[in-house]
Structure formats: structure tokens, C-alpha cells
Protein backbone atom coordinates (compact mmCIF):
# COMPACT_ATOMS: atom_id res chain seq x y z
CA MET A 1 0.00 0.00 0.00
CA SER A 2 1.17 3.51 -0.74
CA VAL A 3 -0.25 6.79 0.51
CA HIS A 4 -1.33 9.29 -2.10
CA VAL A 5 -1.80 13.03 -1.72
CA THR A 6 -5.54 13.95 -1.68
CA HIS A 7 -6.42 10.52 -0.18
CA PRO A 8 -7.23 9.75 3.47
CA ALA A 9 -4.24 9.03 5.70
CA PRO A 10 -4.32 5.40 6.87
CA ASP A 11 -5.40 5.31 10.48
CA PHE A 12 -3.50 3.19 12.98
CA LYS A 13 -3.51 2.15 16.61
CA ALA A 14 -0.13 1.61 18.26
CA VAL A 15 1.69 1.83 21.58
CA THR A 16 3.15 5.31 21.80
CA VAL A 17 5.51 7.12 24.15
CA MET A 18 3.75 10.33 25.11
CA PRO A 19 5.38 13.67 26.07
CA ASP A 20 5.12 12.78 29.78
CA ASN A 21 6.93 9.45 29.05
CA SER A 22 3.83 7.35 29.70
CA PHE A 23 2.87 4.54 27.33
CA ASN A 24 -0.41 5.07 25.52
CA GLU A 25 -1.50 1.64 24.30
CA ASN A 26 -4.54 3.01 22.47
CA PHE A 27 -2.92 5.84 20.52
CA ARG A 28 -4.74 6.48 17.23
CA LEU A 29 -3.99 8.90 14.43
CA SER A 30 -7.73 9.56 14.09
CA ASP A 31 -7.77 10.99 17.63
CA TYR A 32 -6.21 14.11 16.11
CA ARG A 33 -9.04 14.76 13.64
CA GLY A 34 -9.77 18.48 13.76
CA LYS A 35 -6.06 19.32 13.96
CA TYR A 36 -3.37 19.35 11.31
CA VAL A 37 -0.82 16.58 11.73
CA VAL A 38 2.79 16.28 10.64
CA LEU A 39 3.44 12.53 10.70
CA PHE A 40 7.08 11.72 10.08
CA PHE A 41 8.97 8.45 9.91
CA TYR A 42 12.63 7.95 10.75
CA PRO A 43 14.73 4.78 10.36
CA MET A 44 15.73 3.83 13.89
CA ASP A 45 16.47 5.04 17.42
CA PHE A 46 20.09 5.64 18.46
CA THR A 47 21.25 6.57 14.97
CA PHE A 48 23.07 9.67 13.73
CA VAL A 49 20.79 11.73 11.46
CA CYS A 50 17.57 10.88 13.32
CA PRO A 51 18.27 12.82 16.53
CA SER A 52 19.07 15.97 14.57
CA GLU A 53 15.61 15.85 12.97
CA ILE A 54 13.74 14.80 16.10
CA ILE A 55 15.32 17.54 18.21
CA ALA A 56 14.79 20.13 15.44
CA PHE A 57 11.06 19.34 15.34
CA ASP A 58 10.91 19.55 19.14
CA LYS A 59 12.58 22.97 19.21
CA GLN A 60 9.92 24.34 16.88
CA LEU A 61 6.89 22.74 18.54
CA PRO A 62 5.53 26.18 19.57
CA ASP A 63 5.45 27.14 15.87
CA PHE A 64 3.45 24.01 15.04
CA ALA A 65 1.16 24.50 18.05
CA GLU A 66 0.24 28.05 17.02
CA ARG A 67 -0.85 26.58 13.67
CA ASN A 68 -3.05 23.95 15.38
CA CYS A 69 -0.69 21.19 14.25
CA GLN A 70 0.39 18.03 16.08
CA VAL A 71 3.82 16.56 15.33
CA ILE A 72 4.06 12.75 15.59
CA GLY A 73 7.21 10.66 15.06
CA VAL A 74 7.25 6.98 14.04
CA SER A 75 9.94 4.32 13.77
CA VAL A 76 10.07 0.53 13.81
CA ASP A 77 11.54 0.53 17.33
CA SER A 78 9.68 -0.53 20.48
CA GLN A 79 8.24 1.86 23.02
CA PHE A 80 11.01 0.75 25.41
CA SER A 81 13.69 1.82 22.93
CA HIS A 82 11.92 5.17 22.40
CA LEU A 83 11.80 5.77 26.15
CA ALA A 84 15.44 4.78 26.62
CA TRP A 85 16.43 7.20 23.86
CA LYS A 86 14.41 10.00 25.46
CA ASN A 87 16.11 9.25 28.79
CA THR A 88 19.57 9.48 27.20
CA PRO A 89 21.10 12.99 27.33
CA ILE A 90 21.58 14.72 23.99
CA GLU A 91 25.34 15.01 24.56
CA LYS A 92 25.47 11.20 24.84
CA GLY A 93 23.56 10.51 21.64
CA GLY A 94 20.04 10.73 23.05
CA ILE A 95 17.15 13.02 22.15
CA GLY A 96 16.26 14.28 25.62
CA ASN A 97 12.70 14.74 26.83
CA ILE A 98 11.07 15.70 23.53
CA GLN A 99 7.47 16.83 23.84
CA TYR A 100 5.59 15.06 21.07
CA PRO A 101 4.47 11.43 20.68
CA LEU A 102 6.81 8.71 19.37
CA VAL A 103 4.93 5.76 17.89
CA ALA A 104 6.32 2.22 18.23
CA ASP A 105 5.81 0.48 14.88
CA ILE A 106 7.44 -2.83 15.81
CA THR A 107 5.27 -4.83 13.40
CA LYS A 108 6.33 -2.38 10.64
CA GLN A 109 2.73 -2.27 9.45
CA ILE A 110 2.37 1.50 9.73
CA ALA A 111 5.52 2.09 7.67
CA ARG A 112 4.28 -0.51 5.19
CA ASN A 113 0.87 1.18 4.94
CA TYR A 114 2.50 4.55 4.26
CA GLY A 115 4.81 3.10 1.60
CA VAL A 116 8.04 3.96 3.42
CA LEU A 117 9.25 0.55 4.61
CA PHE A 118 12.70 -0.04 3.14
CA GLU A 119 13.68 -3.65 2.35
CA GLU A 120 11.35 -4.91 5.11
CA SER A 121 13.84 -3.42 7.55
CA VAL A 122 13.51 0.25 8.54
CA ALA A 123 11.44 3.24 7.47
CA LEU A 124 12.67 5.75 4.94
CA ARG A 125 12.42 9.39 6.00
CA GLY A 126 8.79 9.89 5.04
CA LEU A 127 6.83 12.97 6.06
CA PHE A 128 3.09 13.44 5.60
CA LEU A 129 1.13 16.64 6.14
CA ILE A 130 -2.44 15.69 7.03
CA ASP A 131 -5.28 18.19 7.15
CA LYS A 132 -8.03 18.55 9.77
CA GLU A 133 -10.24 16.07 7.88
CA GLY A 134 -7.55 13.38 7.87
CA VAL A 135 -6.55 13.85 4.21
CA VAL A 136 -2.90 13.78 3.09
CA ARG A 137 -2.10 17.14 1.49
CA HIS A 138 1.70 16.89 1.17
CA ALA A 139 4.12 13.96 1.17
CA LEU A 140 7.90 13.80 1.09
CA ILE A 141 10.12 10.71 1.21
CA ASN A 142 13.89 11.01 1.59
CA ASP A 143 16.51 8.30 1.37
CA LEU A 144 18.12 7.23 4.65
CA PRO A 145 21.10 9.64 4.68
CA LEU A 146 19.09 12.75 3.78
CA GLY A 147 17.64 14.79 6.64
CA ARG A 148 14.54 16.95 6.29
CA SER A 149 13.95 20.67 6.76
CA VAL A 150 11.64 21.69 9.60
CA ALA A 151 11.44 25.18 8.07
CA GLU A 152 10.15 23.69 4.80
CA THR A 153 7.59 21.64 6.72
CA LEU A 154 6.30 24.81 8.37
CA ARG A 155 6.26 26.57 5.00
CA MET A 156 4.09 23.80 3.52
CA LEU A 157 1.75 23.96 6.51
CA ASP A 158 1.48 27.74 6.06
CA ALA A 159 0.79 27.27 2.35
CA LEU A 160 -1.99 24.77 3.04
CA GLN A 161 -3.60 27.02 5.62
CA HIS A 162 -3.27 30.07 3.35
CA HIS A 163 -4.97 28.20 0.51
CA GLU A 164 -7.75 27.00 2.82
CA GLN A 165 -8.34 30.51 4.18
CA TYR A 166 -8.08 32.57 0.99
CA GLY A 167 -8.51 30.07 -1.85
CA GLU A 168 -5.29 31.30 -3.43
CA VAL A 169 -2.59 29.12 -4.94
CA CYS A 170 0.89 29.25 -3.47
CA PRO A 171 3.49 29.40 -6.27
CA ALA A 172 7.16 28.43 -6.13
CA ASN A 173 9.04 29.88 -3.17
CA TRP A 174 5.85 31.26 -1.61
CA SER A 175 6.21 32.05 2.06
CA LYS A 176 3.87 33.43 4.71
CA GLY A 177 3.79 37.21 4.71
CA LYS A 178 5.41 37.45 1.28
CA GLU A 179 2.52 39.06 -0.59
CA ALA A 180 4.22 40.16 -3.77
CA MET A 181 4.49 37.62 -6.59
CA THR A 182 6.97 37.76 -9.39
CA ALA A 183 5.53 38.29 -12.87
CA THR A 184 6.22 34.64 -13.70
CA ALA A 185 4.54 33.38 -10.56
CA GLN A 186 1.55 35.66 -11.16
CA GLY A 187 1.29 34.35 -14.73
CA VAL A 188 1.35 30.74 -13.54
CA ALA A 189 -1.25 31.52 -10.87
CA ASN A 190 -3.52 33.18 -13.44
CA TYR A 191 -3.13 30.23 -15.80
CA LEU A 192 -3.99 27.71 -13.06
CA ASP A 193 -6.92 29.78 -11.89
CA LYS A 194 -8.29 30.07 -15.43
CA HIS A 195 -7.92 26.37 -16.23
CA ASN A 196 -9.25 25.07 -12.92
CA LYS A 197 -12.67 26.67 -13.38
């Protein structure tokens, strides 16, 4: 199975390490209906690139929260591995007490359902932006050595919310608060607007 933009995000139920370090055995993606969700997959706990991404998302949680967006991380590790990693200091290769849920996908079924399971082993660096209705609006999948940009994730969330609020398209390099479009971008926007009616 592979997830497609404009289609519903596959729901799941899995044991999850919550921000307070408790185990939620009934964690469901659908519990976040009514909020935007950034669901991202990473290969494995206690690896090199993964903590840089996980900590970067954590540092910008207030920016996601002010946009009514929940960040959720997923890997094929167990909840015990997630908790051990959270309890390991950053300077010793841990991630510290990050404040968003980490889902334990030990059966690998969630990664499989989202089309990011690599060689039946670990998850590729997939990221899915899901709207308030549970529909995937943006998807990105990176190879294992390539980390993602939290700033770009926020930009895509802003673009989605701008489109929902104003009905306007967001051309290349659009960013929140950048009202002026280049002549080329305006031409593309006009073309799309004309041909989508």
C-alpha cells in the first residue's frame, strides 16, 4: 500500500511514548481529527541523522502548536527503545525529553501502509502533512542519509492554511507574509486559476 496526496491518511492504533513518558496503548492517528498533523517516519532510534531531525522538530513545537498542528514521530523501534532514547542525554547521543508522541511500529505495518518501509527493515524518511479532515495534502520521502527541513515543513503547513483561508494558490518559493508575486509566478497563478474553473 502507498499513501497518495488527496487521499485519506491510513489510520493506525499503536503503543506510543507520550510527552510525559507514559505509554499510551490506544494511541490512534484519528484521535487528532480536527487538527493538522505532521506525521514523520525515521529509520531507527540511536542513529546519527535521526536525533538531529527529532530535536529540530521539538525545538519548533511552539510554531506548530500556534498553527493547530500536532507533530508525531514513528519508527520501527519498540516503546522501550523510544523511552530509553528519550532518557539518554543529547550530549550522549540521546534526544532528551522531547514533547511530542513517538509511535512504536514494531510490526512495521504503519511504515508498510504509508509506503516507506525499506527492504522490510527500517522506514525511509517519510513525512506526511495531514489536514483537519484526515486527508494527506503533502508527502515527502527522503533516502536514509538525507535529513529533512523543519522550516520547509512549516512553509508547507502555512501554504496549506493560506490556501484554505483565501482560496489562493501558493506558487514556487511562496512564504507566509510574502505578498508580492513575481511576474512569472503571477502568470502561472492566473493560468492555473483560469484552467481550474
